[in-house]
Each structure stands twice: as C-alpha cells, then as structure tokens.
Amino acid sequence: IDLREGDDITAAQAKKLAKAAIALNVELGDPTRLS
C-alpha cells in the first residue's frame, strides 16, 4: 500500500491498517523502542 499526504482513506481502511500495525508490533516488537 502506498499512502501519501493528502490521500483519503475510509474509516474501514484505517481500521484495517491499524490492526495490521498492531499485529506486526506483537510479532516483531515495537519499532519505537530501542533494541
């Protein structure tokens, strides 16, 4: 997926992206934390 500033997405698409991000954080770890 390629989102750029000014792109519009639906609430459902945003929810799907947020769920995917959470799943990646669980699987790979929080990228905002130092290793």
C-alpha atoms as a PDB file:
ATOM      1  CA  ILE A   1       0.000   0.000   0.000  1.00  0.00           C
ATOM      2  CA  ASP A   2       1.277   3.454  -0.822  1.00  0.00           C
ATOM      3  CA  LEU A   3      -0.262   6.299   1.165  1.00  0.00           C
ATOM      4  CA  ARG A   4       0.860   9.857   0.653  1.00  0.00           C
ATOM      5  CA  GLU A   5      -0.033  13.137   2.303  1.00  0.00           C
ATOM      6  CA  GLY A   6      -3.448  14.243   1.138  1.00  0.00           C
ATOM      7  CA  ASP A   7      -4.681  10.742   0.272  1.00  0.00           C
ATOM      8  CA  ASP A   8      -8.152   9.879   1.501  1.00  0.00           C
ATOM      9  CA  ILE A   9      -8.959   6.505   3.032  1.00  0.00           C
ATOM     10  CA  THR A  10     -12.149   5.213   4.574  1.00  0.00           C
ATOM     11  CA  ALA A  11     -12.570   4.538   8.272  1.00  0.00           C
ATOM     12  CA  ALA A  12     -12.688   0.819   7.474  1.00  0.00           C
ATOM     13  CA  GLN A  13      -9.358   1.027   5.634  1.00  0.00           C
ATOM     14  CA  ALA A  14      -7.798   2.947   8.539  1.00  0.00           C
ATOM     15  CA  LYS A  15      -9.064   0.338  10.995  1.00  0.00           C
ATOM     16  CA  LYS A  16      -7.633  -2.472   8.851  1.00  0.00           C
ATOM     17  CA  LEU A  17      -4.243  -0.726   8.693  1.00  0.00           C
ATOM     18  CA  ALA A  18      -4.225  -0.134  12.455  1.00  0.00           C
ATOM     19  CA  LYS A  19      -4.998  -3.801  13.139  1.00  0.00           C
ATOM     20  CA  ALA A  20      -2.194  -4.867  10.796  1.00  0.00           C
ATOM     21  CA  ALA A  21       0.234  -2.496  12.538  1.00  0.00           C
ATOM     22  CA  ILE A  22      -0.703  -3.884  15.942  1.00  0.00           C
ATOM     23  CA  ALA A  23      -0.197  -7.444  14.696  1.00  0.00           C
ATOM     24  CA  LEU A  24       3.270  -6.528  13.396  1.00  0.00           C
ATOM     25  CA  ASN A  25       4.159  -4.941  16.739  1.00  0.00           C
ATOM     26  CA  VAL A  26       3.146  -8.148  18.510  1.00  0.00           C
ATOM     27  CA  GLU A  27       5.078 -10.322  16.061  1.00  0.00           C
ATOM     28  CA  LEU A  28       8.212  -8.225  15.554  1.00  0.00           C
ATOM     29  CA  GLY A  29       8.257  -5.842  18.513  1.00  0.00           C
ATOM     30  CA  ASP A  30       7.525  -2.154  18.889  1.00  0.00           C
ATOM     31  CA  PRO A  31       9.694  -0.258  16.385  1.00  0.00           C
ATOM     32  CA  THR A  32       9.696   2.836  18.596  1.00  0.00           C
ATOM     33  CA  ARG A  33      11.586   1.006  21.345  1.00  0.00           C
ATOM     34  CA  LEU A  34      15.336   0.707  21.192  1.00  0.00           C
ATOM     35  CA  SER A  35      16.675  -2.821  20.836  1.00  0.00           C
END
